[in-house]
Protein backbone atom coordinates (compact mmCIF):
# COMPACT_ATOMS: atom_id res chain seq x y z
CA UNK A 1 -20.06 -21.64 -6.51
CA UNK A 2 -23.22 -20.80 -8.28
CA UNK A 3 -22.78 -18.55 -11.72
CA UNK A 4 -23.79 -15.15 -10.30
CA UNK A 5 -21.46 -16.02 -7.10
CA UNK A 6 -18.67 -16.73 -8.91
CA UNK A 7 -19.06 -13.78 -11.39
CA UNK A 8 -19.41 -11.83 -8.37
CA UNK A 9 -16.41 -12.96 -6.52
CA UNK A 10 -14.49 -12.93 -9.92
CA UNK A 11 -14.71 -9.31 -10.54
CA UNK A 12 -11.84 -9.45 -7.77
CA UNK A 13 -9.91 -12.06 -8.50
CA UNK A 14 -10.23 -15.17 -10.82
CA UNK A 15 -11.08 -15.87 -14.49
CA UNK A 16 -8.96 -13.43 -15.20
CA UNK A 17 -8.84 -11.33 -19.14
CA UNK A 18 -12.44 -13.06 -20.32
CA UNK A 19 -13.68 -11.10 -22.74
CA UNK A 20 -13.53 -9.93 -26.10
CA UNK A 21 -10.22 -10.16 -27.73
CA UNK A 22 -8.25 -6.93 -29.58
CA UNK A 23 -4.35 -6.07 -30.63
CA UNK A 24 -2.07 -3.82 -29.03
CA UNK A 25 -2.79 -0.15 -29.55
CA UNK A 26 -0.18 1.99 -31.13
CA UNK A 27 0.58 4.23 -27.74
CA UNK A 28 1.69 7.95 -28.30
CA UNK A 29 4.27 9.70 -26.12
CA UNK A 30 1.35 11.12 -24.04
CA UNK A 31 -0.36 7.46 -23.36
CA UNK A 32 2.86 6.39 -22.94
CA UNK A 33 3.76 9.02 -20.23
CA UNK A 34 0.19 7.85 -18.07
CA UNK A 35 1.02 4.36 -18.30
CA UNK A 36 4.66 5.20 -16.76
CA UNK A 37 2.86 7.22 -13.99
CA UNK A 38 0.36 4.41 -13.32
CA UNK A 39 3.33 1.93 -12.90
CA UNK A 40 5.40 4.14 -10.72
CA UNK A 41 2.30 4.89 -8.30
CA UNK A 42 1.39 1.04 -8.49
CA UNK A 43 5.22 -0.04 -7.77
CA UNK A 44 5.11 2.00 -4.87
CA UNK A 45 2.02 1.39 -3.41
CA UNK A 46 3.61 -1.62 -0.67
CA UNK A 47 1.08 -1.58 1.41
CA UNK A 48 -2.80 0.11 1.41
CA UNK A 49 -6.13 -0.50 2.67
CA UNK A 50 -9.39 0.69 2.10
CA UNK A 51 -13.01 0.37 1.15
CA UNK A 52 -14.81 -1.26 -1.69
CA UNK A 53 -17.94 -1.52 -3.85
CA UNK A 54 -18.26 -3.98 -6.33
CA UNK A 55 -21.16 -4.08 -9.39
CA UNK A 56 -21.80 -6.19 -11.48
CA UNK A 57 -23.62 -6.55 -15.40
CA UNK A 58 -27.34 -6.52 -13.28
CA UNK A 59 -25.87 -3.62 -11.40
CA UNK A 60 -26.25 -5.25 -8.13
CA UNK A 61 -23.68 -3.67 -5.46
CA UNK A 62 -21.30 -5.70 -2.81
CA UNK A 63 -19.21 -3.85 -0.56
CA UNK A 64 -16.31 -4.34 1.76
CA UNK A 65 -12.55 -4.00 3.11
CA UNK A 66 -9.71 -4.52 0.77
CA UNK A 67 -6.23 -4.61 2.62
CA UNK A 68 -3.21 -5.21 -0.13
CA UNK A 69 0.50 -5.57 0.50
CA UNK A 70 3.03 -5.78 -2.62
CA UNK A 71 4.23 -7.88 -4.02
CA UNK A 72 1.15 -10.64 -4.54
CA UNK A 73 -0.72 -9.88 -1.17
CA UNK A 74 -4.45 -8.97 -0.91
CA UNK A 75 -7.44 -9.67 1.13
CA UNK A 76 -11.27 -8.60 -0.27
CA UNK A 77 -13.80 -9.11 2.55
CA UNK A 78 -16.98 -8.49 1.54
CA UNK A 79 -19.28 -7.27 4.60
CA UNK A 80 -22.67 -9.13 5.36
CA UNK A 81 -24.67 -11.66 3.54
CA UNK A 82 -22.48 -11.66 0.99
CA UNK A 83 -20.14 -14.67 2.65
CA UNK A 84 -17.70 -13.81 0.13
CA UNK A 85 -13.48 -13.96 1.52
CA UNK A 86 -11.22 -13.57 -1.02
CA UNK A 87 -7.28 -13.73 -0.36
CA UNK A 88 -4.19 -13.71 -2.46
CA UNK A 89 -0.90 -14.65 -0.29
CA UNK A 90 0.97 -13.70 -3.36
CA UNK A 91 1.13 -17.07 -5.30
CA UNK A 92 -2.39 -18.67 -5.30
CA UNK A 93 -5.81 -16.47 -4.96
CA UNK A 94 -8.29 -18.54 -2.45
CA UNK A 95 -12.26 -17.67 -2.57
CA UNK A 96 -14.28 -18.96 0.71
CA UNK A 97 -17.75 -18.37 0.23
CA UNK A 98 -19.33 -19.10 3.83
CA UNK A 99 -23.27 -19.23 2.91
CA UNK A 100 -22.84 -21.73 0.10
CA UNK A 101 -19.88 -23.62 1.64
CA UNK A 102 -17.18 -23.10 -1.13
CA UNK A 103 -13.71 -22.87 -1.52
CA UNK A 104 -11.99 -22.63 -4.91
CA UNK A 105 -8.08 -21.73 -5.20
CA UNK A 106 -6.41 -20.20 -8.69
CA UNK A 107 -3.18 -19.13 -9.55
CA UNK A 108 -2.40 -15.44 -9.09
CA UNK A 109 -0.87 -15.40 -12.59
CA UNK A 110 -4.62 -16.33 -14.06
CA UNK A 111 -6.28 -13.59 -12.33
CA UNK A 112 -6.77 -9.52 -12.83
CA UNK A 113 -4.90 -8.78 -9.38
CA UNK A 114 -1.50 -9.77 -11.23
CA UNK A 115 -1.70 -6.92 -12.83
CA UNK A 116 -0.81 -4.92 -9.68
CA UNK A 117 -0.05 -6.92 -7.47
CA UNK A 118 2.90 -8.24 -9.36
CA UNK A 119 6.55 -7.72 -8.06
CA UNK A 120 7.61 -5.96 -10.76
CA UNK A 121 5.05 -4.14 -13.05
CA UNK A 122 5.18 -4.46 -17.08
CA UNK A 123 2.79 -2.98 -18.87
CA UNK A 124 4.84 -3.65 -22.18
CA UNK A 125 5.68 -7.61 -21.09
CA UNK A 126 2.99 -9.77 -20.78
CA UNK A 127 0.09 -7.25 -21.07
CA UNK A 128 -0.81 -5.61 -24.44
CA UNK A 129 -2.35 -2.37 -23.63
CA UNK A 130 -5.54 -1.36 -25.76
CA UNK A 131 -6.61 2.09 -24.98
CA UNK A 132 -5.66 4.84 -22.99
CA UNK A 133 -8.87 6.74 -22.45
CA UNK A 134 -8.32 10.80 -20.44
CA UNK A 135 -11.12 12.15 -17.94
CA UNK A 136 -11.93 15.36 -16.51
CA UNK A 137 -10.44 13.58 -13.21
CA UNK A 138 -8.20 11.09 -14.34
CA UNK A 139 -7.33 8.38 -16.57
CA UNK A 140 -8.00 4.60 -17.58
CA UNK A 141 -5.57 1.99 -19.09
CA UNK A 142 -7.19 -1.07 -20.84
CA UNK A 143 -4.96 -3.73 -21.31
CA UNK A 144 -5.15 -7.34 -22.26
CA UNK A 145 -3.38 -11.28 -21.85
CA UNK A 146 -0.64 -9.87 -23.94
CA UNK A 147 0.34 -14.15 -24.69
CA UNK A 148 -3.13 -14.63 -25.84
CA UNK A 149 -3.74 -17.44 -23.83
CA UNK A 150 -6.41 -16.04 -22.47
CA UNK A 151 -8.97 -13.44 -24.80
CA UNK A 152 -10.17 -10.47 -21.80
CA UNK A 153 -9.67 -7.62 -20.71
CA UNK A 154 -9.19 -5.54 -17.72
CA UNK A 155 -9.51 -1.68 -17.18
CA UNK A 156 -7.53 0.45 -14.35
CA UNK A 157 -8.81 3.53 -13.66
CA UNK A 158 -6.81 6.27 -11.82
CA UNK A 159 -8.21 9.70 -10.26
CA UNK A 160 -5.85 12.77 -10.17
CA UNK A 161 -4.36 14.92 -7.70
CA UNK A 162 -2.93 13.29 -6.39
CA UNK A 163 -2.48 10.04 -8.03
CA UNK A 164 -4.68 6.94 -7.26
CA UNK A 165 -6.26 3.80 -8.18
CA UNK A 166 -9.73 4.43 -8.09
CA UNK A 167 -10.75 1.09 -9.09
CA UNK A 168 -10.99 -1.39 -12.26
CA UNK A 169 -13.26 -3.28 -14.46
CA UNK A 170 -12.80 -7.11 -15.63
CA UNK A 171 -15.38 -8.16 -18.70
CA UNK A 172 -16.16 -11.34 -18.80
CA UNK A 173 -16.73 -13.80 -21.67
CA UNK A 174 -19.93 -12.61 -22.75
CA UNK A 175 -19.05 -9.09 -22.13
CA UNK A 176 -20.55 -8.44 -19.34
CA UNK A 177 -18.50 -6.08 -16.85
CA UNK A 178 -17.70 -6.38 -13.23
CA UNK A 179 -16.97 -3.44 -11.80
CA UNK A 180 -14.90 -2.36 -8.37
CA UNK A 181 -14.65 1.05 -7.29
CA UNK A 182 -12.43 1.86 -4.42
CA UNK A 183 -12.81 4.30 -1.85
CA UNK A 184 -10.50 5.87 0.34
CA UNK A 185 -7.36 3.67 -0.30
CA UNK A 186 -5.02 5.22 1.76
CA UNK A 187 -1.45 4.03 2.24
CA UNK A 188 0.04 2.46 5.79
CA UNK A 189 2.06 -0.44 7.01
CA UNK A 190 2.50 -2.78 9.42
CA UNK A 191 -0.17 -4.94 8.08
CA UNK A 192 -0.62 -8.64 9.74
CA UNK A 193 0.65 -11.63 8.06
CA UNK A 194 -2.43 -13.70 8.84
CA UNK A 195 -4.64 -11.31 6.22
CA UNK A 196 -3.18 -12.85 3.93
CA UNK A 197 -4.05 -16.29 4.42
CA UNK A 198 -6.85 -18.32 4.06
CA UNK A 199 -7.19 -21.88 4.57
CA UNK A 200 -9.92 -24.05 3.14
CA UNK A 201 -12.24 -24.23 6.49
CA UNK A 202 -14.62 -27.28 5.47
CA UNK A 203 -13.74 -30.58 6.72
CA UNK A 204 -11.26 -32.72 5.29
CA UNK A 205 -14.35 -35.46 4.36
CA UNK A 206 -15.95 -32.56 1.73
CA UNK A 207 -15.02 -32.41 -1.66
CA UNK A 208 -12.48 -29.69 -2.73
CA UNK A 209 -13.83 -27.92 -5.59
CA UNK A 210 -11.28 -26.37 -7.83
CA UNK A 211 -11.68 -25.08 -11.11
């Protein structure tokens, strides 16, 4: 996968927490209350679907459809002509680029998706909260890998009235953000299991690239 295409897809799935490191912030009681609300909301979001707009550091936007089934499962189907499909089956995140004929896979735990797809979301264990910021219509939570095995950040953004996940931003090793905005994310039920299965579609004689 070439660098530009990889950066595009990694905003959703892989190369998690690849940015500048920082320390654990001291949360005020008000900050902690917002974190607790966010955790309760995410753990209650068992099945959902909606649209997304992903914007890279150069301002290029790509759209697609999202399906999510916690714990662990998600599907990001990019609209043509992107040719990208990102699927988490609960253990592995697979990325298929039909245009470039590439297929890559990563452990879910090594991706930003694990922050809100985990069965039990613990923003006080394994993840260090760097900042809780308030806005006129909601708030955001910036976190990093608490184990310090990787040195990056992810910011989850929430809107109020009612509380909803609005999107997230992941920063790469050069400090360049890739932003994902969620549109019309709504609770649902009965999502087909096949949505969360993605096998390498390439012929077996073609090399299976891994990162």
